[in-house]
């Protein structure tokens, strides 16, 4: 539990300093994706739009890297910042 809290703090603190995670564990993909917040999360919105167009039912890796298709977006663990 302490490690999880520490990692949550590290993600947010490094994002404040202008750094981003390159890769992360599945449990933190939504949180890391939320740190890419330039222009009101423009990159996430683009990725979600493409994901929804190409895979509307979310069959291919739903939630991978914090990108959810429309069918699962409300179930994401922190997708919307």
PDB file of N, CA and C in Angstrom:
ATOM      1  N   UNK A   1       0.820  -1.195   0.000  1.00  0.00           N
ATOM      2  CA  UNK A   1       0.000   0.000   0.000  1.00  0.00           C
ATOM      3  C   UNK A   1       0.866   1.263   0.000  1.00  0.00           C
ATOM      4  N   UNK A   2       1.978   1.210   0.739  1.00  0.00           N
ATOM      5  CA  UNK A   2       2.874   2.367   0.775  1.00  0.00           C
ATOM      6  C   UNK A   2       3.497   2.609  -0.590  1.00  0.00           C
ATOM      7  N   UNK A   3       3.869   1.535  -1.284  1.00  0.00           N
ATOM      8  CA  UNK A   3       4.462   1.675  -2.607  1.00  0.00           C
ATOM      9  C   UNK A   3       3.469   2.298  -3.583  1.00  0.00           C
ATOM     10  N   UNK A   4       2.217   1.899  -3.506  1.00  0.00           N
ATOM     11  CA  UNK A   4       1.196   2.460  -4.399  1.00  0.00           C
ATOM     12  C   UNK A   4       1.017   3.957  -4.151  1.00  0.00           C
ATOM     13  N   UNK A   5       0.965   4.345  -2.891  1.00  0.00           N
ATOM     14  CA  UNK A   5       0.832   5.768  -2.564  1.00  0.00           C
ATOM     15  C   UNK A   5       2.060   6.543  -3.036  1.00  0.00           C
ATOM     16  N   UNK A   6       3.240   5.955  -2.821  1.00  0.00           N
ATOM     17  CA  UNK A   6       4.471   6.602  -3.268  1.00  0.00           C
ATOM     18  C   UNK A   6       4.471   6.791  -4.777  1.00  0.00           C
ATOM     19  N   UNK A   7       4.092   5.765  -5.509  1.00  0.00           N
ATOM     20  CA  UNK A   7       4.105   5.867  -6.965  1.00  0.00           C
ATOM     21  C   UNK A   7       3.094   6.897  -7.460  1.00  0.00           C
ATOM     22  N   UNK A   8       1.937   6.972  -6.812  1.00  0.00           N
ATOM     23  CA  UNK A   8       0.956   8.008  -7.169  1.00  0.00           C
ATOM     24  C   UNK A   8       1.556   9.407  -6.983  1.00  0.00           C
ATOM     25  N   UNK A   9       2.250   9.591  -5.872  1.00  0.00           N
ATOM     26  CA  UNK A   9       2.880  10.888  -5.600  1.00  0.00           C
ATOM     27  C   UNK A   9       3.984  11.159  -6.621  1.00  0.00           C
ATOM     28  N   UNK A  10       4.781  10.160  -6.927  1.00  0.00           N
ATOM     29  CA  UNK A  10       5.867  10.348  -7.892  1.00  0.00           C
ATOM     30  C   UNK A  10       5.337  10.726  -9.269  1.00  0.00           C
ATOM     31  N   UNK A  11       4.259  10.116  -9.698  1.00  0.00           N
ATOM     32  CA  UNK A  11       3.674  10.443 -10.998  1.00  0.00           C
ATOM     33  C   UNK A  11       3.242  11.907 -11.024  1.00  0.00           C
ATOM     34  N   UNK A  12       2.517  12.335 -10.005  1.00  0.00           N
ATOM     35  CA  UNK A  12       2.022  13.714 -10.011  1.00  0.00           C
ATOM     36  C   UNK A  12       3.150  14.727  -9.832  1.00  0.00           C
ATOM     37  N   UNK A  13       4.120  14.433  -8.986  1.00  0.00           N
ATOM     38  CA  UNK A  13       5.222  15.377  -8.765  1.00  0.00           C
ATOM     39  C   UNK A  13       6.127  15.504  -9.997  1.00  0.00           C
ATOM     40  N   UNK A  14       6.410  14.399 -10.655  1.00  0.00           N
ATOM     41  CA  UNK A  14       7.242  14.494 -11.858  1.00  0.00           C
ATOM     42  C   UNK A  14       6.491  15.206 -12.980  1.00  0.00           C
ATOM     43  N   UNK A  15       5.179  15.029 -13.047  1.00  0.00           N
ATOM     44  CA  UNK A  15       4.391  15.749 -14.053  1.00  0.00           C
ATOM     45  C   UNK A  15       4.425  17.251 -13.792  1.00  0.00           C
ATOM     46  N   UNK A  16       4.353  17.645 -12.520  1.00  0.00           N
ATOM     47  CA  UNK A  16       4.445  19.073 -12.181  1.00  0.00           C
ATOM     48  C   UNK A  16       5.792  19.656 -12.591  1.00  0.00           C
ATOM     49  N   UNK A  17       6.832  18.834 -12.520  1.00  0.00           N
ATOM     50  CA  UNK A  17       8.176  19.277 -12.890  1.00  0.00           C
ATOM     51  C   UNK A  17       8.406  19.230 -14.406  1.00  0.00           C
ATOM     52  N   UNK A  18       7.412  18.756 -15.159  1.00  0.00           N
ATOM     53  CA  UNK A  18       7.512  18.743 -16.605  1.00  0.00           C
ATOM     54  C   UNK A  18       7.994  17.435 -17.207  1.00  0.00           C
ATOM     55  N   UNK A  19       8.026  16.395 -16.410  1.00  0.00           N
ATOM     56  CA  UNK A  19       8.471  15.089 -16.902  1.00  0.00           C
ATOM     57  C   UNK A  19       7.280  14.150 -17.016  1.00  0.00           C
ATOM     58  N   UNK A  20       7.428  13.141 -17.876  1.00  0.00           N
ATOM     59  CA  UNK A  20       6.346  12.182 -18.073  1.00  0.00           C
ATOM     60  C   UNK A  20       6.878  10.764 -17.967  1.00  0.00           C
ATOM     61  N   UNK A  21       6.004   9.867 -17.625  1.00  0.00           N
ATOM     62  CA  UNK A  21       6.346   8.448 -17.605  1.00  0.00           C
ATOM     63  C   UNK A  21       6.377   7.952 -19.047  1.00  0.00           C
ATOM     64  N   UNK A  22       7.389   7.156 -19.340  1.00  0.00           N
ATOM     65  CA  UNK A  22       7.470   6.562 -20.679  1.00  0.00           C
ATOM     66  C   UNK A  22       6.596   5.327 -20.758  1.00  0.00           C
ATOM     67  N   UNK A  23       6.694   4.471 -19.764  1.00  0.00           N
ATOM     68  CA  UNK A  23       5.890   3.258 -19.684  1.00  0.00           C
ATOM     69  C   UNK A  23       5.495   3.063 -18.228  1.00  0.00           C
ATOM     70  N   UNK A  24       4.406   2.351 -18.039  1.00  0.00           N
ATOM     71  CA  UNK A  24       3.977   2.097 -16.668  1.00  0.00           C
ATOM     72  C   UNK A  24       3.183   0.805 -16.594  1.00  0.00           C
ATOM     73  N   UNK A  25       2.931   0.384 -15.390  1.00  0.00           N
ATOM     74  CA  UNK A  25       2.126  -0.798 -15.118  1.00  0.00           C
ATOM     75  C   UNK A  25       0.678  -0.518 -15.483  1.00  0.00           C
ATOM     76  N   UNK A  26      -0.055  -1.560 -15.796  1.00  0.00           N
ATOM     77  CA  UNK A  26      -1.469  -1.412 -16.157  1.00  0.00           C
ATOM     78  C   UNK A  26      -2.277  -0.636 -15.129  1.00  0.00           C
ATOM     79  N   UNK A  27      -1.940  -0.805 -13.874  1.00  0.00           N
ATOM     80  CA  UNK A  27      -2.691  -0.151 -12.811  1.00  0.00           C
ATOM     81  C   UNK A  27      -2.566   1.362 -12.791  1.00  0.00           C
ATOM     82  N   UNK A  28      -1.578   1.902 -13.502  1.00  0.00           N
ATOM     83  CA  UNK A  28      -1.362   3.349 -13.487  1.00  0.00           C
ATOM     84  C   UNK A  28      -1.497   3.991 -14.866  1.00  0.00           C
ATOM     85  N   UNK A  29      -1.939   3.259 -15.861  1.00  0.00           N
ATOM     86  CA  UNK A  29      -2.006   3.822 -17.215  1.00  0.00           C
ATOM     87  C   UNK A  29      -2.950   5.018 -17.300  1.00  0.00           C
ATOM     88  N   UNK A  30      -4.097   4.939 -16.640  1.00  0.00           N
ATOM     89  CA  UNK A  30      -5.037   6.064 -16.677  1.00  0.00           C
ATOM     90  C   UNK A  30      -4.443   7.288 -15.991  1.00  0.00           C
ATOM     91  N   UNK A  31      -3.812   7.080 -14.862  1.00  0.00           N
ATOM     92  CA  UNK A  31      -3.229   8.198 -14.116  1.00  0.00           C
ATOM     93  C   UNK A  31      -2.095   8.845 -14.906  1.00  0.00           C
ATOM     94  N   UNK A  32      -1.237   8.038 -15.514  1.00  0.00           N
ATOM     95  CA  UNK A  32      -0.134   8.584 -16.315  1.00  0.00           C
ATOM     96  C   UNK A  32      -0.680   9.312 -17.537  1.00  0.00           C
ATOM     97  N   UNK A  33      -1.669   8.737 -18.191  1.00  0.00           N
ATOM     98  CA  UNK A  33      -2.262   9.395 -19.360  1.00  0.00           C
ATOM     99  C   UNK A  33      -2.878  10.738 -18.975  1.00  0.00           C
ATOM    100  N   UNK A  34      -3.419  10.829 -17.780  1.00  0.00           N
ATOM    101  CA  UNK A  34      -4.022  12.082 -17.325  1.00  0.00           C
ATOM    102  C   UNK A  34      -2.989  13.194 -17.145  1.00  0.00           C
ATOM    103  N   UNK A  35      -1.704  12.831 -17.017  1.00  0.00           N
ATOM    104  CA  UNK A  35      -0.670  13.860 -16.850  1.00  0.00           C
ATOM    105  C   UNK A  35      -0.341  14.563 -18.166  1.00  0.00           C
ATOM    106  N   UNK A  36      -0.699  13.956 -19.280  1.00  0.00           N
ATOM    107  CA  UNK A  36      -0.484  14.590 -20.579  1.00  0.00           C
ATOM    108  C   UNK A  36      -1.667  15.518 -20.838  1.00  0.00           C
ATOM    109  N   UNK A  37      -1.625  16.703 -20.237  1.00  0.00           N
ATOM    110  CA  UNK A  37      -2.805  17.562 -20.207  1.00  0.00           C
ATOM    111  C   UNK A  37      -2.704  18.817 -21.063  1.00  0.00           C
ATOM    112  N   UNK A  38      -1.752  18.878 -21.973  1.00  0.00           N
ATOM    113  CA  UNK A  38      -1.616  20.056 -22.816  1.00  0.00           C
ATOM    114  C   UNK A  38      -2.891  20.283 -23.634  1.00  0.00           C
ATOM    115  N   UNK A  39      -3.296  21.534 -23.722  1.00  0.00           N
ATOM    116  CA  UNK A  39      -4.444  21.936 -24.532  1.00  0.00           C
ATOM    117  C   UNK A  39      -5.700  21.147 -24.157  1.00  0.00           C
ATOM    118  N   UNK A  40      -5.965  21.084 -22.863  1.00  0.00           N
ATOM    119  CA  UNK A  40      -7.156  20.387 -22.360  1.00  0.00           C
ATOM    120  C   UNK A  40      -7.201  18.935 -22.841  1.00  0.00           C
ATOM    121  N   UNK A  41      -6.078  18.237 -22.714  1.00  0.00           N
ATOM    122  CA  UNK A  41      -5.961  16.815 -23.053  1.00  0.00           C
ATOM    123  C   UNK A  41      -6.253  16.538 -24.527  1.00  0.00           C
ATOM    124  N   UNK A  42      -5.711  17.363 -25.406  1.00  0.00           N
ATOM    125  CA  UNK A  42      -5.964  17.224 -26.840  1.00  0.00           C
ATOM    126  C   UNK A  42      -5.502  15.872 -27.377  1.00  0.00           C
ATOM    127  N   UNK A  43      -4.336  15.395 -26.921  1.00  0.00           N
ATOM    128  CA  UNK A  43      -3.834  14.118 -27.415  1.00  0.00           C
ATOM    129  C   UNK A  43      -4.744  12.967 -27.007  1.00  0.00           C
ATOM    130  N   UNK A  44      -5.227  12.976 -25.772  1.00  0.00           N
ATOM    131  CA  UNK A  44      -6.128  11.914 -25.339  1.00  0.00           C
ATOM    132  C   UNK A  44      -7.428  11.953 -26.136  1.00  0.00           C
ATOM    133  N   UNK A  45      -7.950  13.144 -26.360  1.00  0.00           N
ATOM    134  CA  UNK A  45      -9.193  13.242 -27.134  1.00  0.00           C
ATOM    135  C   UNK A  45      -9.005  12.711 -28.541  1.00  0.00           C
ATOM    136  N   UNK A  46      -7.861  13.021 -29.152  1.00  0.00           N
ATOM    137  CA  UNK A  46      -7.572  12.497 -30.492  1.00  0.00           C
ATOM    138  C   UNK A  46      -7.454  10.976 -30.448  1.00  0.00           C
ATOM    139  N   UNK A  47      -6.690  10.462 -29.501  1.00  0.00           N
ATOM    140  CA  UNK A  47      -6.521   9.011 -29.395  1.00  0.00           C
ATOM    141  C   UNK A  47      -7.843   8.303 -29.138  1.00  0.00           C
ATOM    142  N   UNK A  48      -8.689   8.874 -28.292  1.00  0.00           N
ATOM    143  CA  UNK A  48      -9.988   8.269 -28.015  1.00  0.00           C
ATOM    144  C   UNK A  48     -10.883   8.299 -29.245  1.00  0.00           C
ATOM    145  N   UNK A  49     -10.810   9.365 -30.003  1.00  0.00           N
ATOM    146  CA  UNK A  49     -11.625   9.456 -31.212  1.00  0.00           C
ATOM    147  C   UNK A  49     -11.200   8.407 -32.233  1.00  0.00           C
ATOM    148  N   UNK A  50      -9.890   8.241 -32.397  1.00  0.00           N
ATOM    149  CA  UNK A  50      -9.377   7.229 -33.329  1.00  0.00           C
ATOM    150  C   UNK A  50      -9.729   5.827 -32.821  1.00  0.00           C
ATOM    151  N   UNK A  51      -9.548   5.585 -31.529  1.00  0.00           N
ATOM    152  CA  UNK A  51      -9.866   4.285 -30.931  1.00  0.00           C
ATOM    153  C   UNK A  51     -11.338   3.948 -31.126  1.00  0.00           C
ATOM    154  N   UNK A  52     -12.208   4.904 -30.907  1.00  0.00           N
ATOM    155  CA  UNK A  52     -13.635   4.671 -31.064  1.00  0.00           C
ATOM    156  C   UNK A  52     -13.996   4.404 -32.524  1.00  0.00           C
ATOM    157  N   UNK A  53     -13.337   5.097 -33.451  1.00  0.00           N
ATOM    158  CA  UNK A  53     -13.620   4.898 -34.870  1.00  0.00           C
ATOM    159  C   UNK A  53     -13.144   3.528 -35.352  1.00  0.00           C
ATOM    160  N   UNK A  54     -11.976   3.103 -34.902  1.00  0.00           N
ATOM    161  CA  UNK A  54     -11.406   1.846 -35.382  1.00  0.00           C
ATOM    162  C   UNK A  54     -11.859   0.627 -34.592  1.00  0.00           C
ATOM    163  N   UNK A  55     -12.195   0.808 -33.327  1.00  0.00           N
ATOM    164  CA  UNK A  55     -12.557  -0.306 -32.449  1.00  0.00           C
ATOM    165  C   UNK A  55     -13.689   0.116 -31.517  1.00  0.00           C
ATOM    166  N   UNK A  56     -14.883   0.365 -32.057  1.00  0.00           N
ATOM    167  CA  UNK A  56     -15.973   0.907 -31.237  1.00  0.00           C
ATOM    168  C   UNK A  56     -16.418  -0.016 -30.105  1.00  0.00           C
ATOM    169  N   UNK A  57     -16.231  -1.311 -30.246  1.00  0.00           N
ATOM    170  CA  UNK A  57     -16.650  -2.247 -29.198  1.00  0.00           C
ATOM    171  C   UNK A  57     -15.551  -2.524 -28.187  1.00  0.00           C
ATOM    172  N   UNK A  58     -14.395  -1.943 -28.366  1.00  0.00           N
ATOM    173  CA  UNK A  58     -13.318  -2.095 -27.408  1.00  0.00           C
ATOM    174  C   UNK A  58     -12.772  -3.503 -27.321  1.00  0.00           C
ATOM    175  N   UNK A  59     -12.658  -4.179 -28.445  1.00  0.00           N
ATOM    176  CA  UNK A  59     -12.170  -5.552 -28.451  1.00  0.00           C
ATOM    177  C   UNK A  59     -10.649  -5.606 -28.331  1.00  0.00           C
ATOM    178  N   UNK A  60      -9.967  -4.684 -28.989  1.00  0.00           N
ATOM    179  CA  UNK A  60      -8.507  -4.685 -29.009  1.00  0.00           C
ATOM    180  C   UNK A  60      -7.943  -3.820 -27.883  1.00  0.00           C
ATOM    181  N   UNK A  61      -7.513  -4.442 -26.819  1.00  0.00           N
ATOM    182  CA  UNK A  61      -6.833  -3.786 -25.700  1.00  0.00           C
ATOM    183  C   UNK A  61      -7.544  -2.537 -25.178  1.00  0.00           C
ATOM    184  N   UNK A  62      -8.769  -2.672 -24.670  1.00  0.00           N
ATOM    185  CA  UNK A  62      -9.439  -1.490 -24.128  1.00  0.00           C
ATOM    186  C   UNK A  62      -8.686  -0.942 -22.923  1.00  0.00           C
ATOM    187  N   UNK A  63      -8.452   0.346 -22.908  1.00  0.00           N
ATOM    188  CA  UNK A  63      -7.780   0.995 -21.794  1.00  0.00           C
ATOM    189  C   UNK A  63      -6.269   0.990 -21.872  1.00  0.00           C
ATOM    190  N   UNK A  64      -5.706   0.361 -22.892  1.00  0.00           N
ATOM    191  CA  UNK A  64      -4.252   0.320 -23.019  1.00  0.00           C
ATOM    192  C   UNK A  64      -3.722   1.738 -23.144  1.00  0.00           C
ATOM    193  N   UNK A  65      -2.725   2.053 -22.325  1.00  0.00           N
ATOM    194  CA  UNK A  65      -2.104   3.376 -22.257  1.00  0.00           C
ATOM    195  C   UNK A  65      -3.116   4.462 -21.891  1.00  0.00           C
ATOM    196  N   UNK A  66      -4.209   4.071 -21.268  1.00  0.00           N
ATOM    197  CA  UNK A  66      -5.190   5.044 -20.813  1.00  0.00           C
ATOM    198  C   UNK A  66      -6.136   5.524 -21.898  1.00  0.00           C
ATOM    199  N   UNK A  67      -6.177   4.815 -23.025  1.00  0.00           N
ATOM    200  CA  UNK A  67      -7.056   5.186 -24.140  1.00  0.00           C
ATOM    201  C   UNK A  67      -8.214   4.195 -24.174  1.00  0.00           C
ATOM    202  N   UNK A  68      -9.400   4.716 -23.913  1.00  0.00           N
ATOM    203  CA  UNK A  68     -10.595   3.879 -23.829  1.00  0.00           C
ATOM    204  C   UNK A  68     -11.535   4.160 -24.989  1.00  0.00           C
ATOM    205  N   UNK A  69     -12.189   3.134 -25.553  1.00  0.00           N
ATOM    206  CA  UNK A  69     -13.232   3.379 -26.549  1.00  0.00           C
ATOM    207  C   UNK A  69     -14.467   3.939 -25.852  1.00  0.00           C
ATOM    208  N   UNK A  70     -15.347   4.514 -26.605  1.00  0.00           N
ATOM    209  CA  UNK A  70     -16.529   5.159 -26.029  1.00  0.00           C
ATOM    210  C   UNK A  70     -17.355   4.190 -25.189  1.00  0.00           C
ATOM    211  N   UNK A  71     -17.400   2.919 -25.565  1.00  0.00           N
ATOM    212  CA  UNK A  71     -18.211   1.940 -24.845  1.00  0.00           C
ATOM    213  C   UNK A  71     -17.742   1.732 -23.407  1.00  0.00           C
ATOM    214  N   UNK A  72     -16.451   1.980 -23.116  1.00  0.00           N
ATOM    215  CA  UNK A  72     -15.903   1.732 -21.790  1.00  0.00           C
ATOM    216  C   UNK A  72     -15.415   2.994 -21.092  1.00  0.00           C
ATOM    217  N   UNK A  73     -15.518   4.123 -21.717  1.00  0.00           N
ATOM    218  CA  UNK A  73     -14.907   5.337 -21.177  1.00  0.00           C
ATOM    219  C   UNK A  73     -15.404   5.701 -19.786  1.00  0.00           C
ATOM    220  N   UNK A  74     -16.668   5.449 -19.506  1.00  0.00           N
ATOM    221  CA  UNK A  74     -17.193   5.798 -18.181  1.00  0.00           C
ATOM    222  C   UNK A  74     -16.718   4.805 -17.108  1.00  0.00           C
ATOM    223  N   UNK A  75     -16.135   3.685 -17.484  1.00  0.00           N
ATOM    224  CA  UNK A  75     -15.629   2.693 -16.539  1.00  0.00           C
ATOM    225  C   UNK A  75     -14.145   2.853 -16.250  1.00  0.00           C
ATOM    226  N   UNK A  76     -13.490   3.772 -16.955  1.00  0.00           N
ATOM    227  CA  UNK A  76     -12.047   3.935 -16.789  1.00  0.00           C
ATOM    228  C   UNK A  76     -11.714   4.361 -15.374  1.00  0.00           C
ATOM    229  N   UNK A  77     -10.497   4.023 -14.943  1.00  0.00           N
ATOM    230  CA  UNK A  77     -10.097   4.275 -13.567  1.00  0.00           C
ATOM    231  C   UNK A  77      -9.592   5.676 -13.299  1.00  0.00           C
ATOM    232  N   UNK A  78      -9.720   6.571 -14.192  1.00  0.00           N
ATOM    233  CA  UNK A  78      -9.220   7.928 -13.960  1.00  0.00           C
ATOM    234  C   UNK A  78      -8.971   8.624 -15.269  1.00  0.00           C
ATOM    235  N   UNK A  79      -9.618   8.150 -16.305  1.00  0.00           N
ATOM    236  CA  UNK A  79      -9.377   8.684 -17.631  1.00  0.00           C
ATOM    237  C   UNK A  79      -9.660  10.158 -17.773  1.00  0.00           C
ATOM    238  N   UNK A  80     -10.688  10.654 -17.144  1.00  0.00           N
ATOM    239  CA  UNK A  80     -11.018  12.072 -17.282  1.00  0.00           C
ATOM    240  C   UNK A  80     -10.412  12.865 -16.160  1.00  0.00           C
ATOM    241  N   UNK A  81      -9.650  13.848 -16.497  1.00  0.00           N
ATOM    242  CA  UNK A  81      -8.990  14.671 -15.474  1.00  0.00           C
ATOM    243  C   UNK A  81      -9.855  15.853 -15.093  1.00  0.00           C
TER     244      UNK A  81
END
